[in-house]
Protein backbone atom coordinates (compact mmCIF):
# COMPACT_ATOMS: atom_id res chain seq x y z
CA UNK A 1 14.26 3.83 18.17
CA UNK A 2 11.45 4.99 15.98
CA UNK A 3 8.78 2.35 14.83
CA UNK A 4 8.78 4.37 11.64
CA UNK A 5 11.61 5.53 9.75
CA UNK A 6 11.21 7.54 6.40
CA UNK A 7 14.12 7.69 4.22
CA UNK A 8 13.99 9.81 1.33
CA UNK A 9 16.58 10.16 -1.62
CA UNK A 10 15.49 12.23 -3.93
CA UNK A 11 12.07 12.33 -5.49
CA UNK A 12 11.87 8.32 -4.02
CA UNK A 13 10.66 8.11 0.03
CA UNK A 14 10.80 4.97 1.91
CA UNK A 15 8.48 4.48 4.76
CA UNK A 16 10.56 1.41 6.62
CA UNK A 17 8.09 -0.29 9.37
CA UNK A 18 10.81 -0.35 12.01
CA UNK A 19 9.82 -3.18 14.41
CA UNK A 20 12.19 -5.90 13.06
CA UNK A 21 12.19 -8.49 15.78
CA UNK A 22 8.71 -8.45 16.37
CA UNK A 23 8.17 -9.32 12.61
CA UNK A 24 6.83 -5.20 12.33
CA UNK A 25 3.63 -6.44 13.53
CA UNK A 26 1.51 -3.33 14.40
CA UNK A 27 0.57 -2.05 17.85
CA UNK A 28 -0.98 1.08 19.48
CA UNK A 29 2.37 3.20 19.41
CA UNK A 30 2.73 2.22 15.40
CA UNK A 31 -0.61 3.35 14.46
CA UNK A 32 -0.07 6.93 15.42
CA UNK A 33 3.50 6.58 13.58
CA UNK A 34 2.20 5.56 10.76
CA UNK A 35 -0.27 7.61 10.45
CA UNK A 36 1.95 10.65 10.49
CA UNK A 37 4.65 9.10 7.79
CA UNK A 38 1.69 8.72 5.51
CA UNK A 39 -0.22 12.24 6.41
CA UNK A 40 3.73 13.61 5.88
CA UNK A 41 4.50 11.88 2.54
CA UNK A 42 1.03 12.87 1.00
CA UNK A 43 1.79 16.29 1.74
CA UNK A 44 5.69 16.21 0.65
CA UNK A 45 5.61 17.97 -3.01
CA UNK A 46 9.29 16.80 -3.39
CA UNK A 47 8.18 13.20 -3.38
CA UNK A 48 7.27 11.66 -6.94
CA UNK A 49 7.04 7.86 -5.45
CA UNK A 50 7.05 5.98 -2.11
CA UNK A 51 7.85 2.91 -1.19
CA UNK A 52 6.60 0.90 1.94
CA UNK A 53 8.91 -1.68 3.52
CA UNK A 54 9.47 -3.71 6.30
CA UNK A 55 13.15 -3.40 8.63
CA UNK A 56 14.50 -6.81 8.70
CA UNK A 57 13.44 -10.36 6.76
CA UNK A 58 9.73 -9.57 7.08
CA UNK A 59 7.12 -6.79 5.83
CA UNK A 60 4.64 -7.28 8.67
CA UNK A 61 3.03 -10.19 10.43
CA UNK A 62 -0.18 -8.48 11.12
CA UNK A 63 -1.81 -7.06 14.90
CA UNK A 64 0.90 -7.07 17.65
CA UNK A 65 -0.79 -10.14 19.65
CA UNK A 66 0.96 -9.31 22.91
CA UNK A 67 -0.71 -5.71 22.81
CA UNK A 68 -4.08 -7.49 22.34
CA UNK A 69 -3.90 -10.26 24.97
CA UNK A 70 -3.04 -7.03 27.39
CA UNK A 71 -6.11 -5.76 26.16
CA UNK A 72 -8.08 -8.87 26.51
CA UNK A 73 -6.74 -9.01 30.18
CA UNK A 74 -7.34 -5.42 31.00
CA UNK A 75 -10.89 -5.74 29.29
CA UNK A 76 -11.80 -9.17 32.20
CA UNK A 77 -11.03 -6.59 34.81
CA UNK A 78 -12.60 -2.94 33.62
CA UNK A 79 -14.61 -3.54 30.54
CA UNK A 80 -15.08 -1.72 27.34
CA UNK A 81 -13.33 1.38 28.79
CA UNK A 82 -9.91 -0.39 27.98
CA UNK A 83 -10.47 -0.38 24.06
CA UNK A 84 -8.66 2.84 22.63
CA UNK A 85 -11.27 5.20 20.67
CA UNK A 86 -8.68 5.59 18.00
CA UNK A 87 -6.90 2.79 17.11
CA UNK A 88 -9.08 2.45 13.50
CA UNK A 89 -9.15 5.79 13.16
CA UNK A 90 -5.26 5.99 12.76
CA UNK A 91 -4.78 3.05 11.16
CA UNK A 92 -7.44 3.31 8.29
CA UNK A 93 -6.51 7.39 8.02
CA UNK A 94 -2.93 4.70 7.02
CA UNK A 95 -5.10 3.54 4.52
CA UNK A 96 -6.89 6.42 3.26
CA UNK A 97 -3.66 8.48 2.78
CA UNK A 98 -2.14 5.67 0.61
CA UNK A 99 -5.22 5.58 -1.74
CA UNK A 100 -5.49 9.04 -2.29
CA UNK A 101 -1.64 10.55 -2.33
CA UNK A 102 -0.96 12.07 -5.29
CA UNK A 103 1.70 10.17 -6.19
CA UNK A 104 2.35 6.20 -6.84
CA UNK A 105 2.98 3.85 -4.02
CA UNK A 106 4.84 0.54 -3.96
CA UNK A 107 4.56 -2.09 -1.57
CA UNK A 108 7.92 -4.23 -0.86
CA UNK A 109 7.13 -7.44 0.27
CA UNK A 110 9.24 -10.34 1.81
CA UNK A 111 8.28 -12.86 4.66
CA UNK A 112 5.49 -12.42 6.61
CA UNK A 113 2.49 -10.48 5.11
CA UNK A 114 -0.51 -10.91 7.23
CA UNK A 115 -3.92 -9.08 8.82
CA UNK A 116 -3.27 -5.54 8.18
CA UNK A 117 0.43 -6.24 7.19
CA UNK A 118 -1.71 -7.70 3.91
CA UNK A 119 -4.40 -4.60 4.00
CA UNK A 120 -1.24 -2.15 3.73
CA UNK A 121 0.18 -4.14 0.86
CA UNK A 122 -3.55 -4.29 -0.90
CA UNK A 123 -3.69 -0.59 -0.40
CA UNK A 124 -0.68 0.43 -2.29
CA UNK A 125 -0.72 0.89 -6.36
CA UNK A 126 1.74 -1.96 -6.99
CA UNK A 127 3.57 -4.29 -5.16
CA UNK A 128 7.17 -6.16 -5.47
CA UNK A 129 7.38 -9.49 -3.73
CA UNK A 130 9.66 -11.86 -2.82
CA UNK A 131 10.00 -15.45 -3.58
CA UNK A 132 9.85 -16.11 0.25
CA UNK A 133 6.85 -14.42 1.50
CA UNK A 134 4.18 -16.17 3.48
CA UNK A 135 0.59 -14.65 3.59
CA UNK A 136 -2.77 -14.78 5.01
CA UNK A 137 -5.64 -12.74 6.08
CA UNK A 138 -5.54 -13.84 9.03
CA UNK A 139 -8.00 -12.27 11.06
CA UNK A 140 -10.49 -15.17 11.67
CA UNK A 141 -7.72 -16.98 13.37
CA UNK A 142 -7.97 -14.47 16.49
CA UNK A 143 -11.61 -14.08 16.26
CA UNK A 144 -11.80 -11.32 14.81
CA UNK A 145 -13.00 -9.38 11.19
CA UNK A 146 -11.04 -8.10 8.88
CA UNK A 147 -9.68 -3.98 8.82
CA UNK A 148 -7.47 -1.95 6.89
CA UNK A 149 -9.58 -2.02 3.78
CA UNK A 150 -9.17 -5.93 3.34
CA UNK A 151 -12.74 -6.51 2.90
CA UNK A 152 -12.58 -3.86 0.03
CA UNK A 153 -9.26 -4.29 -1.72
CA UNK A 154 -9.39 -8.23 -1.64
CA UNK A 155 -12.86 -8.94 -3.72
CA UNK A 156 -11.48 -6.82 -5.63
CA UNK A 157 -8.21 -8.18 -6.37
CA UNK A 158 -8.71 -12.21 -6.24
CA UNK A 159 -12.75 -12.09 -6.83
CA UNK A 160 -15.70 -12.79 -4.26
CA UNK A 161 -15.25 -16.42 -4.13
CA UNK A 162 -11.39 -16.78 -3.97
CA UNK A 163 -11.77 -13.74 -1.35
CA UNK A 164 -14.42 -15.65 0.83
CA UNK A 165 -12.08 -18.65 0.88
CA UNK A 166 -9.07 -16.62 2.12
CA UNK A 167 -10.85 -14.64 4.86
CA UNK A 168 -13.31 -17.81 6.56
CA UNK A 169 -10.15 -20.07 6.67
CA UNK A 170 -7.15 -17.88 7.20
CA UNK A 171 -5.34 -19.97 5.28
CA UNK A 172 -1.32 -19.43 4.40
CA UNK A 173 -0.74 -19.00 0.62
CA UNK A 174 2.53 -18.38 -1.42
CA UNK A 175 4.57 -15.38 -3.19
CA UNK A 176 3.55 -17.71 -6.06
CA UNK A 177 -0.06 -17.92 -5.17
CA UNK A 178 -0.23 -13.94 -4.85
CA UNK A 179 1.07 -13.61 -8.18
CA UNK A 180 -1.06 -15.86 -9.69
CA UNK A 181 -4.04 -14.27 -8.27
CA UNK A 182 -3.11 -10.99 -9.42
CA UNK A 183 -2.04 -9.51 -6.27
CA UNK A 184 1.42 -8.47 -7.09
CA UNK A 185 2.64 -7.03 -10.19
CA UNK A 186 6.44 -8.65 -9.67
CA UNK A 187 7.61 -11.85 -8.41
CA UNK A 188 11.58 -11.69 -7.76
CA UNK A 189 14.09 -13.64 -5.36
CA UNK A 190 14.52 -12.10 -2.46
CA UNK A 191 18.32 -10.79 -3.54
CA UNK A 192 16.68 -8.94 -6.34
CA UNK A 193 14.27 -7.37 -4.28
CA UNK A 194 15.83 -4.15 -3.73
CA UNK A 195 17.06 -3.72 -7.06
CA UNK A 196 13.38 -4.21 -8.68
CA UNK A 197 11.57 -1.77 -6.56
CA UNK A 198 14.28 1.04 -7.15
CA UNK A 199 14.45 0.61 -10.86
CA UNK A 200 10.61 0.59 -10.97
CA UNK A 201 10.37 3.74 -8.75
CA UNK A 202 12.71 5.62 -10.82
CA UNK A 203 11.09 5.01 -13.87
CA UNK A 204 7.35 6.23 -12.24
CA UNK A 205 9.77 9.56 -11.48
CA UNK A 206 10.76 10.15 -15.21
CA UNK A 207 6.70 10.18 -15.68
CA UNK A 208 4.80 12.99 -15.59
CA UNK A 209 3.68 13.86 -12.04
CA UNK A 210 0.22 15.79 -12.16
CA UNK A 211 -1.07 12.95 -14.95
CA UNK A 212 0.46 9.85 -12.63
CA UNK A 213 -1.56 11.52 -9.92
CA UNK A 214 -5.02 12.06 -11.80
CA UNK A 215 -4.39 8.54 -13.67
CA UNK A 216 -4.04 7.10 -10.17
CA UNK A 217 -7.36 8.97 -9.41
CA UNK A 218 -9.08 8.03 -11.98
CA UNK A 219 -8.32 4.18 -11.70
CA UNK A 220 -8.77 4.08 -8.25
CA UNK A 221 -12.55 5.90 -8.41
CA UNK A 222 -13.62 3.46 -11.46
CA UNK A 223 -15.43 0.95 -9.03
CA UNK A 224 -17.63 3.48 -7.20
CA UNK A 225 -18.85 5.13 -10.78
CA UNK A 226 -21.13 4.16 -13.52
CA UNK A 227 -19.42 3.88 -17.48
CA UNK A 228 -20.70 7.25 -18.47
CA UNK A 229 -19.51 9.12 -15.10
CA UNK A 230 -16.43 7.78 -15.81
CA UNK A 231 -16.23 8.27 -19.67
CA UNK A 232 -16.85 12.50 -18.50
CA UNK A 233 -13.85 12.18 -16.10
CA UNK A 234 -11.71 10.67 -18.40
CA UNK A 235 -12.55 13.24 -20.84
CA UNK A 236 -12.22 16.09 -18.84
CA UNK A 237 -8.89 14.87 -17.68
CA UNK A 238 -7.54 14.43 -21.26
CA UNK A 239 -8.84 18.39 -21.79
CA UNK A 240 -6.49 19.54 -18.50
CA UNK A 241 -3.80 17.26 -20.26
CA UNK A 242 -3.78 18.50 -23.59
CA UNK A 243 -3.39 22.15 -22.38
CA UNK A 244 -0.04 21.25 -20.11
CA UNK A 245 3.39 21.44 -20.64
CA UNK A 246 3.71 17.57 -20.25
CA UNK A 247 1.79 16.79 -22.83
CA UNK A 248 3.48 18.98 -25.61
CA UNK A 249 6.47 17.28 -24.50
CA UNK A 250 5.76 14.09 -24.57
CA UNK A 251 4.11 14.37 -28.04
CA UNK A 252 7.21 16.16 -29.18
CA UNK A 253 9.73 13.44 -27.78
CA UNK A 254 7.61 11.19 -29.63
CA UNK A 255 7.59 12.44 -32.86
CA UNK A 256 11.42 13.08 -32.30
CA UNK A 257 12.20 9.49 -31.11
CA UNK A 258 14.10 10.81 -27.88
CA UNK A 259 12.89 10.04 -24.29
CA UNK A 260 10.52 13.09 -23.03
CA UNK A 261 11.88 14.97 -20.21
CA UNK A 262 9.14 15.85 -17.63
CA UNK A 263 9.93 18.49 -14.51
């Protein structure tokens, strides 16, 4: 059984974290498979929207503690050489792929969402959460600092002080908390999760793909650029849009009071 599955239906692809008996926790094998999967989806021009979900009742419970314990035991005997050099290369390539792929990525989360699982959720463009989520930054609970972009995404999402509180205590928080703090876009009953995400993905697929890709890039770069630079990028992107068929279709459809149909 593959630890990562990709299910493609038309223009929508679902990347499934597939270790359901272990809360879909991240081990070394999974970092490789996850990296390959996000790279594949980033390059696949037939896909307009990506969903990331966990098999079974949970999204991802963080890192694999059993794997970490093996490393700790080996380190006591063999020293530094036991730690894989490419562990973070793979895990962090996944985050880069999600944030830079020219298509929206939706996190479909339920149950446990902790550690790297929370980082993965935060890296996605939108989040739909079931009302049974239990979330935590968690890293300090096992004596380590955050990874997966947690220290980048969390303060931008909840503010510096709240991010400090969550990261320094490892406190558990609920789906309702996550919604209140702006970490999720939609909060639904667990029975409604699948349908809600599917409808959102289909709505995204109806949009002009190049426009959505460039809009995603504009928003993701906004924290790193000055207002003047961002205004210049907005102007140049708007000019590119005006020369493309999607602009003509969008304006014409609006004037004709019909739904725009984008190729």
